[in-house]
């Protein structure tokens, strides 16, 4: 736990070095909200095959906030995938999720993963 806390703290320090703390923290909070909104939409849609789309969309929206949002998206995505690996979810699915996460964070269109028939609301 101490190692994880140290890594998160160091990551935060490195991410903030080129800008002000307040803007970085604000971006991170907004990015975390974007990730939560994508997760909530995924649960609400309950649409088979839409998982990767919502991963990419949450990361994309968060990263558009700036470095703080991208940092929050990466931390949340990595933590989620780490927990899934510990609980026995497949490594192949986790790799596919991480691919979608990185796709979205890099600014690429999340609609690449959008399944046919997913309501336009999402």
PDB file of N, CA and C in Angstrom:
ATOM      1  N   UNK A   1       0.822  -1.190   0.000  1.00  0.00           N
ATOM      2  CA  UNK A   1       0.000   0.000   0.000  1.00  0.00           C
ATOM      3  C   UNK A   1       0.866   1.254   0.000  1.00  0.00           C
ATOM      4  N   UNK A   2       1.950   1.226   0.770  1.00  0.00           N
ATOM      5  CA  UNK A   2       2.839   2.383   0.802  1.00  0.00           C
ATOM      6  C   UNK A   2       3.480   2.612  -0.559  1.00  0.00           C
ATOM      7  N   UNK A   3       3.827   1.510  -1.241  1.00  0.00           N
ATOM      8  CA  UNK A   3       4.412   1.624  -2.572  1.00  0.00           C
ATOM      9  C   UNK A   3       3.417   2.263  -3.526  1.00  0.00           C
ATOM     10  N   UNK A   4       2.159   1.803  -3.502  1.00  0.00           N
ATOM     11  CA  UNK A   4       1.128   2.359  -4.373  1.00  0.00           C
ATOM     12  C   UNK A   4       0.936   3.847  -4.092  1.00  0.00           C
ATOM     13  N   UNK A   5       0.843   4.215  -2.831  1.00  0.00           N
ATOM     14  CA  UNK A   5       0.665   5.616  -2.457  1.00  0.00           C
ATOM     15  C   UNK A   5       1.850   6.448  -2.948  1.00  0.00           C
ATOM     16  N   UNK A   6       3.046   5.918  -2.793  1.00  0.00           N
ATOM     17  CA  UNK A   6       4.242   6.616  -3.261  1.00  0.00           C
ATOM     18  C   UNK A   6       4.248   6.805  -4.769  1.00  0.00           C
ATOM     19  N   UNK A   7       3.838   5.775  -5.493  1.00  0.00           N
ATOM     20  CA  UNK A   7       3.785   5.875  -6.953  1.00  0.00           C
ATOM     21  C   UNK A   7       2.756   6.905  -7.413  1.00  0.00           C
ATOM     22  N   UNK A   8       1.598   6.903  -6.772  1.00  0.00           N
ATOM     23  CA  UNK A   8       0.569   7.884  -7.118  1.00  0.00           C
ATOM     24  C   UNK A   8       1.080   9.291  -6.818  1.00  0.00           C
ATOM     25  N   UNK A   9       1.702   9.474  -5.664  1.00  0.00           N
ATOM     26  CA  UNK A   9       2.215  10.793  -5.293  1.00  0.00           C
ATOM     27  C   UNK A   9       3.290  11.265  -6.276  1.00  0.00           C
ATOM     28  N   UNK A  10       4.226  10.387  -6.613  1.00  0.00           N
ATOM     29  CA  UNK A  10       5.283  10.751  -7.568  1.00  0.00           C
ATOM     30  C   UNK A  10       4.702  11.063  -8.937  1.00  0.00           C
ATOM     31  N   UNK A  11       3.716  10.295  -9.346  1.00  0.00           N
ATOM     32  CA  UNK A  11       3.059  10.544 -10.621  1.00  0.00           C
ATOM     33  C   UNK A  11       2.392  11.910 -10.622  1.00  0.00           C
ATOM     34  N   UNK A  12       1.765  12.259  -9.506  1.00  0.00           N
ATOM     35  CA  UNK A  12       1.123  13.558  -9.379  1.00  0.00           C
ATOM     36  C   UNK A  12       2.155  14.679  -9.453  1.00  0.00           C
ATOM     37  N   UNK A  13       3.251  14.527  -8.752  1.00  0.00           N
ATOM     38  CA  UNK A  13       4.304  15.548  -8.750  1.00  0.00           C
ATOM     39  C   UNK A  13       4.859  15.740 -10.153  1.00  0.00           C
ATOM     40  N   UNK A  14       5.151  14.650 -10.848  1.00  0.00           N
ATOM     41  CA  UNK A  14       5.698  14.750 -12.199  1.00  0.00           C
ATOM     42  C   UNK A  14       4.692  15.378 -13.158  1.00  0.00           C
ATOM     43  N   UNK A  15       3.432  15.074 -12.985  1.00  0.00           N
ATOM     44  CA  UNK A  15       2.408  15.625 -13.859  1.00  0.00           C
ATOM     45  C   UNK A  15       2.162  17.099 -13.644  1.00  0.00           C
ATOM     46  N   UNK A  16       2.451  17.612 -12.467  1.00  0.00           N
ATOM     47  CA  UNK A  16       2.171  19.001 -12.128  1.00  0.00           C
ATOM     48  C   UNK A  16       3.362  19.904 -12.381  1.00  0.00           C
ATOM     49  N   UNK A  17       4.513  19.351 -12.660  1.00  0.00           N
ATOM     50  CA  UNK A  17       5.726  20.156 -12.725  1.00  0.00           C
ATOM     51  C   UNK A  17       5.667  21.289 -13.747  1.00  0.00           C
ATOM     52  N   UNK A  18       4.886  21.128 -14.814  1.00  0.00           N
ATOM     53  CA  UNK A  18       4.879  22.154 -15.847  1.00  0.00           C
ATOM     54  C   UNK A  18       3.691  23.105 -15.758  1.00  0.00           C
ATOM     55  N   UNK A  19       2.849  22.967 -14.790  1.00  0.00           N
ATOM     56  CA  UNK A  19       1.702  23.857 -14.660  1.00  0.00           C
ATOM     57  C   UNK A  19       1.328  24.025 -13.192  1.00  0.00           C
ATOM     58  N   UNK A  20       0.367  24.878 -12.927  1.00  0.00           N
ATOM     59  CA  UNK A  20      -0.044  25.143 -11.561  1.00  0.00           C
ATOM     60  C   UNK A  20      -0.823  23.994 -10.950  1.00  0.00           C
ATOM     61  N   UNK A  21      -0.699  23.897  -9.633  1.00  0.00           N
ATOM     62  CA  UNK A  21      -1.394  22.842  -8.893  1.00  0.00           C
ATOM     63  C   UNK A  21      -2.900  22.913  -9.062  1.00  0.00           C
ATOM     64  N   UNK A  22      -3.445  24.126  -8.979  1.00  0.00           N
ATOM     65  CA  UNK A  22      -4.893  24.255  -8.991  1.00  0.00           C
ATOM     66  C   UNK A  22      -5.491  23.829 -10.325  1.00  0.00           C
ATOM     67  N   UNK A  23      -4.855  24.210 -11.426  1.00  0.00           N
ATOM     68  CA  UNK A  23      -5.411  23.804 -12.717  1.00  0.00           C
ATOM     69  C   UNK A  23      -5.281  22.295 -12.901  1.00  0.00           C
ATOM     70  N   UNK A  24      -4.155  21.733 -12.474  1.00  0.00           N
ATOM     71  CA  UNK A  24      -3.964  20.281 -12.601  1.00  0.00           C
ATOM     72  C   UNK A  24      -5.000  19.520 -11.776  1.00  0.00           C
ATOM     73  N   UNK A  25      -5.202  19.943 -10.541  1.00  0.00           N
ATOM     74  CA  UNK A  25      -6.162  19.274  -9.665  1.00  0.00           C
ATOM     75  C   UNK A  25      -7.583  19.440 -10.204  1.00  0.00           C
ATOM     76  N   UNK A  26      -7.897  20.615 -10.721  1.00  0.00           N
ATOM     77  CA  UNK A  26      -9.213  20.834 -11.319  1.00  0.00           C
ATOM     78  C   UNK A  26      -9.441  19.935 -12.522  1.00  0.00           C
ATOM     79  N   UNK A  27      -8.422  19.825 -13.383  1.00  0.00           N
ATOM     80  CA  UNK A  27      -8.517  18.941 -14.545  1.00  0.00           C
ATOM     81  C   UNK A  27      -8.676  17.488 -14.102  1.00  0.00           C
ATOM     82  N   UNK A  28      -7.928  17.106 -13.072  1.00  0.00           N
ATOM     83  CA  UNK A  28      -8.004  15.727 -12.572  1.00  0.00           C
ATOM     84  C   UNK A  28      -9.396  15.429 -12.032  1.00  0.00           C
ATOM     85  N   UNK A  29      -9.980  16.372 -11.307  1.00  0.00           N
ATOM     86  CA  UNK A  29     -11.328  16.169 -10.762  1.00  0.00           C
ATOM     87  C   UNK A  29     -12.351  16.068 -11.895  1.00  0.00           C
ATOM     88  N   UNK A  30     -12.232  16.932 -12.885  1.00  0.00           N
ATOM     89  CA  UNK A  30     -13.144  16.875 -14.020  1.00  0.00           C
ATOM     90  C   UNK A  30     -12.954  15.577 -14.814  1.00  0.00           C
ATOM     91  N   UNK A  31     -11.700  15.159 -14.963  1.00  0.00           N
ATOM     92  CA  UNK A  31     -11.420  13.907 -15.655  1.00  0.00           C
ATOM     93  C   UNK A  31     -11.986  12.705 -14.915  1.00  0.00           C
ATOM     94  N   UNK A  32     -11.890  12.724 -13.591  1.00  0.00           N
ATOM     95  CA  UNK A  32     -12.470  11.641 -12.790  1.00  0.00           C
ATOM     96  C   UNK A  32     -13.984  11.617 -12.973  1.00  0.00           C
ATOM     97  N   UNK A  33     -14.593  12.784 -13.048  1.00  0.00           N
ATOM     98  CA  UNK A  33     -16.040  12.858 -13.275  1.00  0.00           C
ATOM     99  C   UNK A  33     -16.390  12.289 -14.658  1.00  0.00           C
ATOM    100  N   UNK A  34     -15.567  12.613 -15.666  1.00  0.00           N
ATOM    101  CA  UNK A  34     -15.794  12.062 -17.010  1.00  0.00           C
ATOM    102  C   UNK A  34     -15.730  10.543 -16.996  1.00  0.00           C
ATOM    103  N   UNK A  35     -14.784  10.003 -16.253  1.00  0.00           N
ATOM    104  CA  UNK A  35     -14.660   8.547 -16.149  1.00  0.00           C
ATOM    105  C   UNK A  35     -15.888   7.960 -15.460  1.00  0.00           C
ATOM    106  N   UNK A  36     -16.350   8.603 -14.406  1.00  0.00           N
ATOM    107  CA  UNK A  36     -17.543   8.137 -13.699  1.00  0.00           C
ATOM    108  C   UNK A  36     -18.766   8.193 -14.610  1.00  0.00           C
ATOM    109  N   UNK A  37     -18.883   9.272 -15.384  1.00  0.00           N
ATOM    110  CA  UNK A  37     -20.026   9.419 -16.281  1.00  0.00           C
ATOM    111  C   UNK A  37     -20.025   8.316 -17.344  1.00  0.00           C
ATOM    112  N   UNK A  38     -18.869   7.999 -17.901  1.00  0.00           N
ATOM    113  CA  UNK A  38     -18.785   6.923 -18.898  1.00  0.00           C
ATOM    114  C   UNK A  38     -19.164   5.585 -18.265  1.00  0.00           C
ATOM    115  N   UNK A  39     -18.700   5.351 -17.043  1.00  0.00           N
ATOM    116  CA  UNK A  39     -19.041   4.108 -16.348  1.00  0.00           C
ATOM    117  C   UNK A  39     -20.549   4.033 -16.093  1.00  0.00           C
ATOM    118  N   UNK A  40     -21.131   5.148 -15.644  1.00  0.00           N
ATOM    119  CA  UNK A  40     -22.573   5.183 -15.380  1.00  0.00           C
ATOM    120  C   UNK A  40     -23.366   4.937 -16.661  1.00  0.00           C
ATOM    121  N   UNK A  41     -22.922   5.555 -17.748  1.00  0.00           N
ATOM    122  CA  UNK A  41     -23.595   5.347 -19.033  1.00  0.00           C
ATOM    123  C   UNK A  41     -23.489   3.892 -19.484  1.00  0.00           C
ATOM    124  N   UNK A  42     -22.340   3.287 -19.261  1.00  0.00           N
ATOM    125  CA  UNK A  42     -22.155   1.885 -19.641  1.00  0.00           C
ATOM    126  C   UNK A  42     -23.124   1.000 -18.864  1.00  0.00           C
ATOM    127  N   UNK A  43     -23.241   1.254 -17.565  1.00  0.00           N
ATOM    128  CA  UNK A  43     -24.161   0.465 -16.739  1.00  0.00           C
ATOM    129  C   UNK A  43     -25.609   0.690 -17.170  1.00  0.00           C
ATOM    130  N   UNK A  44     -25.949   1.937 -17.465  1.00  0.00           N
ATOM    131  CA  UNK A  44     -27.308   2.258 -17.881  1.00  0.00           C
ATOM    132  C   UNK A  44     -27.634   1.631 -19.242  1.00  0.00           C
ATOM    133  N   UNK A  45     -26.699   1.722 -20.180  1.00  0.00           N
ATOM    134  CA  UNK A  45     -26.935   1.193 -21.525  1.00  0.00           C
ATOM    135  C   UNK A  45     -27.089  -0.324 -21.487  1.00  0.00           C
ATOM    136  N   UNK A  46     -26.259  -0.980 -20.663  1.00  0.00           N
ATOM    137  CA  UNK A  46     -26.319  -2.432 -20.528  1.00  0.00           C
ATOM    138  C   UNK A  46     -26.399  -3.096 -21.909  1.00  0.00           C
ATOM    139  N   UNK A  47     -25.499  -2.672 -22.801  1.00  0.00           N
ATOM    140  CA  UNK A  47     -25.524  -3.094 -24.198  1.00  0.00           C
ATOM    141  C   UNK A  47     -24.342  -4.014 -24.480  1.00  0.00           C
ATOM    142  N   UNK A  48     -24.631  -5.197 -24.953  1.00  0.00           N
ATOM    143  CA  UNK A  48     -23.576  -6.186 -25.214  1.00  0.00           C
ATOM    144  C   UNK A  48     -22.593  -5.640 -26.250  1.00  0.00           C
ATOM    145  N   UNK A  49     -21.320  -5.760 -25.935  1.00  0.00           N
ATOM    146  CA  UNK A  49     -20.266  -5.343 -26.848  1.00  0.00           C
ATOM    147  C   UNK A  49     -19.890  -3.877 -26.770  1.00  0.00           C
ATOM    148  N   UNK A  50     -20.449  -3.141 -25.806  1.00  0.00           N
ATOM    149  CA  UNK A  50     -20.170  -1.704 -25.729  1.00  0.00           C
ATOM    150  C   UNK A  50     -19.058  -1.355 -24.735  1.00  0.00           C
ATOM    151  N   UNK A  51     -18.540  -2.332 -24.035  1.00  0.00           N
ATOM    152  CA  UNK A  51     -17.542  -2.113 -22.983  1.00  0.00           C
ATOM    153  C   UNK A  51     -16.351  -1.287 -23.479  1.00  0.00           C
ATOM    154  N   UNK A  52     -15.771  -1.691 -24.587  1.00  0.00           N
ATOM    155  CA  UNK A  52     -14.565  -1.005 -25.092  1.00  0.00           C
ATOM    156  C   UNK A  52     -14.886   0.432 -25.500  1.00  0.00           C
ATOM    157  N   UNK A  53     -16.078   0.647 -26.058  1.00  0.00           N
ATOM    158  CA  UNK A  53     -16.479   2.007 -26.432  1.00  0.00           C
ATOM    159  C   UNK A  53     -16.498   2.917 -25.211  1.00  0.00           C
ATOM    160  N   UNK A  54     -17.100   2.449 -24.128  1.00  0.00           N
ATOM    161  CA  UNK A  54     -17.192   3.294 -22.940  1.00  0.00           C
ATOM    162  C   UNK A  54     -15.828   3.494 -22.280  1.00  0.00           C
ATOM    163  N   UNK A  55     -14.952   2.493 -22.367  1.00  0.00           N
ATOM    164  CA  UNK A  55     -13.574   2.673 -21.881  1.00  0.00           C
ATOM    165  C   UNK A  55     -12.899   3.796 -22.669  1.00  0.00           C
ATOM    166  N   UNK A  56     -12.974   3.699 -23.993  1.00  0.00           N
ATOM    167  CA  UNK A  56     -12.322   4.701 -24.845  1.00  0.00           C
ATOM    168  C   UNK A  56     -12.949   6.082 -24.634  1.00  0.00           C
ATOM    169  N   UNK A  57     -14.273   6.143 -24.536  1.00  0.00           N
ATOM    170  CA  UNK A  57     -14.947   7.436 -24.385  1.00  0.00           C
ATOM    171  C   UNK A  57     -14.599   8.109 -23.070  1.00  0.00           C
ATOM    172  N   UNK A  58     -14.593   7.358 -21.974  1.00  0.00           N
ATOM    173  CA  UNK A  58     -14.250   7.948 -20.685  1.00  0.00           C
ATOM    174  C   UNK A  58     -12.836   8.500 -20.673  1.00  0.00           C
ATOM    175  N   UNK A  59     -11.900   7.728 -21.215  1.00  0.00           N
ATOM    176  CA  UNK A  59     -10.507   8.177 -21.272  1.00  0.00           C
ATOM    177  C   UNK A  59     -10.344   9.362 -22.216  1.00  0.00           C
ATOM    178  N   UNK A  60     -11.056   9.344 -23.331  1.00  0.00           N
ATOM    179  CA  UNK A  60     -10.985  10.450 -24.289  1.00  0.00           C
ATOM    180  C   UNK A  60     -11.490  11.741 -23.646  1.00  0.00           C
ATOM    181  N   UNK A  61     -12.684  11.665 -23.052  1.00  0.00           N
ATOM    182  CA  UNK A  61     -13.274  12.862 -22.430  1.00  0.00           C
ATOM    183  C   UNK A  61     -12.368  13.409 -21.328  1.00  0.00           C
ATOM    184  N   UNK A  62     -11.826  12.522 -20.503  1.00  0.00           N
ATOM    185  CA  UNK A  62     -10.956  12.963 -19.406  1.00  0.00           C
ATOM    186  C   UNK A  62      -9.679  13.604 -19.942  1.00  0.00           C
ATOM    187  N   UNK A  63      -9.075  12.993 -20.941  1.00  0.00           N
ATOM    188  CA  UNK A  63      -7.813  13.513 -21.489  1.00  0.00           C
ATOM    189  C   UNK A  63      -8.003  14.860 -22.164  1.00  0.00           C
ATOM    190  N   UNK A  64      -9.212  15.119 -22.675  1.00  0.00           N
ATOM    191  CA  UNK A  64      -9.476  16.413 -23.307  1.00  0.00           C
ATOM    192  C   UNK A  64      -9.452  17.550 -22.301  1.00  0.00           C
ATOM    193  N   UNK A  65      -9.523  17.235 -21.020  1.00  0.00           N
ATOM    194  CA  UNK A  65      -9.476  18.258 -19.963  1.00  0.00           C
ATOM    195  C   UNK A  65      -8.073  18.836 -19.800  1.00  0.00           C
ATOM    196  N   UNK A  66      -7.058  18.083 -20.202  1.00  0.00           N
ATOM    197  CA  UNK A  66      -5.679  18.512 -20.053  1.00  0.00           C
ATOM    198  C   UNK A  66      -4.871  17.453 -19.328  1.00  0.00           C
ATOM    199  N   UNK A  67      -3.623  17.787 -18.969  1.00  0.00           N
ATOM    200  CA  UNK A  67      -2.751  16.807 -18.316  1.00  0.00           C
ATOM    201  C   UNK A  67      -3.335  16.215 -17.034  1.00  0.00           C
ATOM    202  N   UNK A  68      -4.050  16.996 -16.262  1.00  0.00           N
ATOM    203  CA  UNK A  68      -4.657  16.473 -15.039  1.00  0.00           C
ATOM    204  C   UNK A  68      -5.725  15.440 -15.340  1.00  0.00           C
ATOM    205  N   UNK A  69      -6.529  15.692 -16.357  1.00  0.00           N
ATOM    206  CA  UNK A  69      -7.558  14.742 -16.758  1.00  0.00           C
ATOM    207  C   UNK A  69      -6.963  13.461 -17.304  1.00  0.00           C
ATOM    208  N   UNK A  70      -5.910  13.599 -18.108  1.00  0.00           N
ATOM    209  CA  UNK A  70      -5.236  12.410 -18.649  1.00  0.00           C
ATOM    210  C   UNK A  70      -4.626  11.589 -17.513  1.00  0.00           C
ATOM    211  N   UNK A  71      -4.037  12.276 -16.537  1.00  0.00           N
ATOM    212  CA  UNK A  71      -3.453  11.575 -15.385  1.00  0.00           C
ATOM    213  C   UNK A  71      -4.530  10.817 -14.626  1.00  0.00           C
ATOM    214  N   UNK A  72      -5.669  11.478 -14.355  1.00  0.00           N
ATOM    215  CA  UNK A  72      -6.759  10.829 -13.618  1.00  0.00           C
ATOM    216  C   UNK A  72      -7.275   9.621 -14.387  1.00  0.00           C
ATOM    217  N   UNK A  73      -7.428   9.764 -15.704  1.00  0.00           N
ATOM    218  CA  UNK A  73      -7.917   8.652 -16.527  1.00  0.00           C
ATOM    219  C   UNK A  73      -6.965   7.466 -16.465  1.00  0.00           C
ATOM    220  N   UNK A  74      -5.670   7.737 -16.512  1.00  0.00           N
ATOM    221  CA  UNK A  74      -4.691   6.650 -16.467  1.00  0.00           C
ATOM    222  C   UNK A  74      -4.698   5.950 -15.114  1.00  0.00           C
ATOM    223  N   UNK A  75      -4.724   6.723 -14.049  1.00  0.00           N
ATOM    224  CA  UNK A  75      -4.728   6.139 -12.702  1.00  0.00           C
ATOM    225  C   UNK A  75      -5.988   5.306 -12.479  1.00  0.00           C
ATOM    226  N   UNK A  76      -7.139   5.852 -12.851  1.00  0.00           N
ATOM    227  CA  UNK A  76      -8.403   5.138 -12.654  1.00  0.00           C
ATOM    228  C   UNK A  76      -8.440   3.882 -13.513  1.00  0.00           C
ATOM    229  N   UNK A  77      -8.031   3.991 -14.764  1.00  0.00           N
ATOM    230  CA  UNK A  77      -8.048   2.834 -15.666  1.00  0.00           C
ATOM    231  C   UNK A  77      -7.111   1.736 -15.179  1.00  0.00           C
ATOM    232  N   UNK A  78      -5.907   2.121 -14.783  1.00  0.00           N
ATOM    233  CA  UNK A  78      -4.945   1.124 -14.310  1.00  0.00           C
ATOM    234  C   UNK A  78      -5.428   0.457 -13.025  1.00  0.00           C
ATOM    235  N   UNK A  79      -6.013   1.243 -12.130  1.00  0.00           N
ATOM    236  CA  UNK A  79      -6.526   0.671 -10.874  1.00  0.00           C
ATOM    237  C   UNK A  79      -7.668  -0.300 -11.157  1.00  0.00           C
ATOM    238  N   UNK A  80      -8.556   0.080 -12.044  1.00  0.00           N
ATOM    239  CA  UNK A  80      -9.697  -0.780 -12.376  1.00  0.00           C
ATOM    240  C   UNK A  80      -9.219  -2.095 -12.981  1.00  0.00           C
ATOM    241  N   UNK A  81      -8.307  -2.015 -13.911  1.00  0.00           N
ATOM    242  CA  UNK A  81      -7.809  -3.243 -14.549  1.00  0.00           C
ATOM    243  C   UNK A  81      -7.014  -4.094 -13.557  1.00  0.00           C
ATOM    244  N   UNK A  82      -6.282  -3.442 -12.674  1.00  0.00           N
ATOM    245  CA  UNK A  82      -5.547  -4.186 -11.645  1.00  0.00           C
ATOM    246  C   UNK A  82      -6.478  -4.950 -10.726  1.00  0.00           C
ATOM    247  N   UNK A  83      -7.552  -4.310 -10.334  1.00  0.00           N
ATOM    248  CA  UNK A  83      -8.539  -4.968  -9.464  1.00  0.00           C
ATOM    249  C   UNK A  83      -9.189  -6.133 -10.198  1.00  0.00           C
ATOM    250  N   UNK A  84      -9.499  -5.941 -11.468  1.00  0.00           N
ATOM    251  CA  UNK A  84     -10.121  -7.028 -12.231  1.00  0.00           C
ATOM    252  C   UNK A  84      -9.185  -8.232 -12.357  1.00  0.00           C
ATOM    253  N   UNK A  85      -7.910  -7.973 -12.546  1.00  0.00           N
ATOM    254  CA  UNK A  85      -6.949  -9.085 -12.626  1.00  0.00           C
ATOM    255  C   UNK A  85      -6.895  -9.843 -11.308  1.00  0.00           C
ATOM    256  N   UNK A  86      -6.938  -9.114 -10.190  1.00  0.00           N
ATOM    257  CA  UNK A  86      -6.904  -9.754  -8.877  1.00  0.00           C
ATOM    258  C   UNK A  86      -8.146 -10.595  -8.612  1.00  0.00           C
ATOM    259  N   UNK A  87      -9.276 -10.167  -9.179  1.00  0.00           N
ATOM    260  CA  UNK A  87     -10.522 -10.898  -8.948  1.00  0.00           C
ATOM    261  C   UNK A  87     -10.743 -12.022  -9.949  1.00  0.00           C
ATOM    262  N   UNK A  88      -9.774 -12.238 -10.837  1.00  0.00           N
ATOM    263  CA  UNK A  88      -9.846 -13.390 -11.718  1.00  0.00           C
ATOM    264  C   UNK A  88     -10.414 -13.149 -13.102  1.00  0.00           C
ATOM    265  N   UNK A  89     -10.620 -11.915 -13.493  1.00  0.00           N
ATOM    266  CA  UNK A  89     -11.075 -11.654 -14.853  1.00  0.00           C
ATOM    267  C   UNK A  89      -9.937 -11.960 -15.818  1.00  0.00           C
ATOM    268  N   UNK A  90     -10.277 -12.275 -17.033  1.00  0.00           N
ATOM    269  CA  UNK A  90      -9.291 -12.708 -18.012  1.00  0.00           C
ATOM    270  C   UNK A  90      -8.265 -11.653 -18.370  1.00  0.00           C
ATOM    271  N   UNK A  91      -7.038 -12.113 -18.546  1.00  0.00           N
ATOM    272  CA  UNK A  91      -5.949 -11.216 -18.920  1.00  0.00           C
ATOM    273  C   UNK A  91      -6.161 -10.665 -20.324  1.00  0.00           C
ATOM    274  N   UNK A  92      -6.729 -11.483 -21.207  1.00  0.00           N
ATOM    275  CA  UNK A  92      -6.964 -11.034 -22.581  1.00  0.00           C
ATOM    276  C   UNK A  92      -7.964  -9.883 -22.615  1.00  0.00           C
ATOM    277  N   UNK A  93      -9.034  -9.990 -21.837  1.00  0.00           N
ATOM    278  CA  UNK A  93     -10.027  -8.925 -21.773  1.00  0.00           C
ATOM    279  C   UNK A  93      -9.424  -7.665 -21.171  1.00  0.00           C
ATOM    280  N   UNK A  94      -8.575  -7.838 -20.165  1.00  0.00           N
ATOM    281  CA  UNK A  94      -7.921  -6.694 -19.536  1.00  0.00           C
ATOM    282  C   UNK A  94      -7.008  -5.977 -20.534  1.00  0.00           C
ATOM    283  N   UNK A  95      -6.279  -6.729 -21.343  1.00  0.00           N
ATOM    284  CA  UNK A  95      -5.417  -6.115 -22.371  1.00  0.00           C
ATOM    285  C   UNK A  95      -6.263  -5.347 -23.383  1.00  0.00           C
ATOM    286  N   UNK A  96      -7.392  -5.917 -23.781  1.00  0.00           N
ATOM    287  CA  UNK A  96      -8.274  -5.237 -24.726  1.00  0.00           C
ATOM    288  C   UNK A  96      -8.845  -3.960 -24.116  1.00  0.00           C
ATOM    289  N   UNK A  97      -9.201  -4.006 -22.832  1.00  0.00           N
ATOM    290  CA  UNK A  97      -9.689  -2.810 -22.144  1.00  0.00           C
ATOM    291  C   UNK A  97      -8.606  -1.736 -22.104  1.00  0.00           C
ATOM    292  N   UNK A  98      -7.381  -2.133 -21.785  1.00  0.00           N
ATOM    293  CA  UNK A  98      -6.277  -1.177 -21.708  1.00  0.00           C
ATOM    294  C   UNK A  98      -5.980  -0.570 -23.088  1.00  0.00           C
ATOM    295  N   UNK A  99      -6.128  -1.379 -24.140  1.00  0.00           N
ATOM    296  CA  UNK A  99      -5.941  -0.857 -25.492  1.00  0.00           C
ATOM    297  C   UNK A  99      -6.968   0.245 -25.767  1.00  0.00           C
ATOM    298  N   UNK A 100      -8.226  -0.016 -25.406  1.00  0.00           N
ATOM    299  CA  UNK A 100      -9.281   0.985 -25.595  1.00  0.00           C
ATOM    300  C   UNK A 100      -9.019   2.215 -24.725  1.00  0.00           C
ATOM    301  N   UNK A 101      -8.541   2.006 -23.499  1.00  0.00           N
ATOM    302  CA  UNK A 101      -8.214   3.129 -22.614  1.00  0.00           C
ATOM    303  C   UNK A 101      -7.152   4.019 -23.247  1.00  0.00           C
ATOM    304  N   UNK A 102      -6.070   3.406 -23.720  1.00  0.00           N
ATOM    305  CA  UNK A 102      -4.968   4.166 -24.324  1.00  0.00           C
ATOM    306  C   UNK A 102      -5.410   4.843 -25.614  1.00  0.00           C
ATOM    307  N   UNK A 103      -6.267   4.173 -26.375  1.00  0.00           N
ATOM    308  CA  UNK A 103      -6.807   4.747 -27.608  1.00  0.00           C
ATOM    309  C   UNK A 103      -7.506   6.075 -27.287  1.00  0.00           C
ATOM    310  N   UNK A 104      -8.386   6.051 -26.309  1.00  0.00           N
ATOM    311  CA  UNK A 104      -9.118   7.254 -25.938  1.00  0.00           C
ATOM    312  C   UNK A 104      -8.223   8.338 -25.376  1.00  0.00           C
ATOM    313  N   UNK A 105      -7.298   7.963 -24.493  1.00  0.00           N
ATOM    314  CA  UNK A 105      -6.392   8.957 -23.885  1.00  0.00           C
ATOM    315  C   UNK A 105      -5.507   9.625 -24.924  1.00  0.00           C
ATOM    316  N   UNK A 106      -5.196   8.914 -26.001  1.00  0.00           N
ATOM    317  CA  UNK A 106      -4.302   9.480 -27.022  1.00  0.00           C
ATOM    318  C   UNK A 106      -5.032  10.461 -27.943  1.00  0.00           C
ATOM    319  N   UNK A 107      -6.341  10.613 -27.745  1.00  0.00           N
ATOM    320  CA  UNK A 107      -7.095  11.568 -28.547  1.00  0.00           C
ATOM    321  C   UNK A 107      -7.749  10.966 -29.776  1.00  0.00           C
ATOM    322  N   UNK A 108      -7.633   9.670 -29.944  1.00  0.00           N
ATOM    323  CA  UNK A 108      -8.268   9.015 -31.093  1.00  0.00           C
ATOM    324  C   UNK A 108      -9.764   8.880 -30.827  1.00  0.00           C
ATOM    325  N   UNK A 109     -10.537   8.817 -31.904  1.00  0.00           N
ATOM    326  CA  UNK A 109     -11.999   8.793 -31.838  1.00  0.00           C
ATOM    327  C   UNK A 109     -12.511   7.541 -31.136  1.00  0.00           C
ATOM    328  N   UNK A 110     -13.214   7.695 -30.010  1.00  0.00           N
ATOM    329  CA  UNK A 110     -13.744   6.523 -29.298  1.00  0.00           C
ATOM    330  C   UNK A 110     -14.816   5.778 -30.097  1.00  0.00           C
ATOM    331  N   UNK A 111     -15.396   6.425 -31.096  1.00  0.00           N
ATOM    332  CA  UNK A 111     -16.424   5.773 -31.897  1.00  0.00           C
ATOM    333  C   UNK A 111     -15.881   4.594 -32.700  1.00  0.00           C
ATOM    334  N   UNK A 112     -14.576   4.474 -32.762  1.00  0.00           N
ATOM    335  CA  UNK A 112     -13.946   3.307 -33.387  1.00  0.00           C
ATOM    336  C   UNK A 112     -14.448   2.020 -32.721  1.00  0.00           C
ATOM    337  N   UNK A 113     -14.746   2.086 -31.434  1.00  0.00           N
ATOM    338  CA  UNK A 113     -15.189   0.927 -30.655  1.00  0.00           C
ATOM    339  C   UNK A 113     -16.712   0.872 -30.488  1.00  0.00           C
ATOM    340  N   UNK A 114     -17.420   1.826 -31.058  1.00  0.00           N
ATOM    341  CA  UNK A 114     -18.877   1.902 -30.872  1.00  0.00           C
ATOM    342  C   UNK A 114     -19.565   0.738 -31.586  1.00  0.00           C
ATOM    343  N   UNK A 115     -20.344  -0.045 -30.846  1.00  0.00           N
ATOM    344  CA  UNK A 115     -21.035  -1.168 -31.490  1.00  0.00           C
ATOM    345  C   UNK A 115     -22.260  -0.688 -32.270  1.00  0.00           C
ATOM    346  N   UNK A 116     -22.570  -1.386 -33.336  1.00  0.00           N
ATOM    347  CA  UNK A 116     -23.760  -1.065 -34.122  1.00  0.00           C
ATOM    348  C   UNK A 116     -24.996  -1.219 -33.237  1.00  0.00           C
ATOM    349  N   UNK A 117     -25.892  -0.280 -33.336  1.00  0.00           N
ATOM    350  CA  UNK A 117     -27.134  -0.356 -32.599  1.00  0.00           C
ATOM    351  C   UNK A 117     -27.130   0.296 -31.223  1.00  0.00           C
ATOM    352  N   UNK A 118     -25.978   0.758 -30.751  1.00  0.00           N
ATOM    353  CA  UNK A 118     -25.943   1.445 -29.456  1.00  0.00           C
ATOM    354  C   UNK A 118     -26.734   2.745 -29.608  1.00  0.00           C
ATOM    355  N   UNK A 119     -27.688   3.000 -28.716  1.00  0.00           N
ATOM    356  CA  UNK A 119     -28.512   4.206 -28.842  1.00  0.00           C
ATOM    357  C   UNK A 119     -27.660   5.483 -28.955  1.00  0.00           C
ATOM    358  N   UNK A 120     -28.143   6.419 -29.752  1.00  0.00           N
ATOM    359  CA  UNK A 120     -27.393   7.659 -30.013  1.00  0.00           C
ATOM    360  C   UNK A 120     -27.223   8.512 -28.754  1.00  0.00           C
ATOM    361  N   UNK A 121     -28.001   8.230 -27.720  1.00  0.00           N
ATOM    362  CA  UNK A 121     -27.876   8.930 -26.439  1.00  0.00           C
ATOM    363  C   UNK A 121     -26.457   8.834 -25.902  1.00  0.00           C
ATOM    364  N   UNK A 122     -25.769   7.741 -26.242  1.00  0.00           N
ATOM    365  CA  UNK A 122     -24.431   7.499 -25.718  1.00  0.00           C
ATOM    366  C   UNK A 122     -23.394   7.847 -26.757  1.00  0.00           C
TER     367      UNK A 122
END
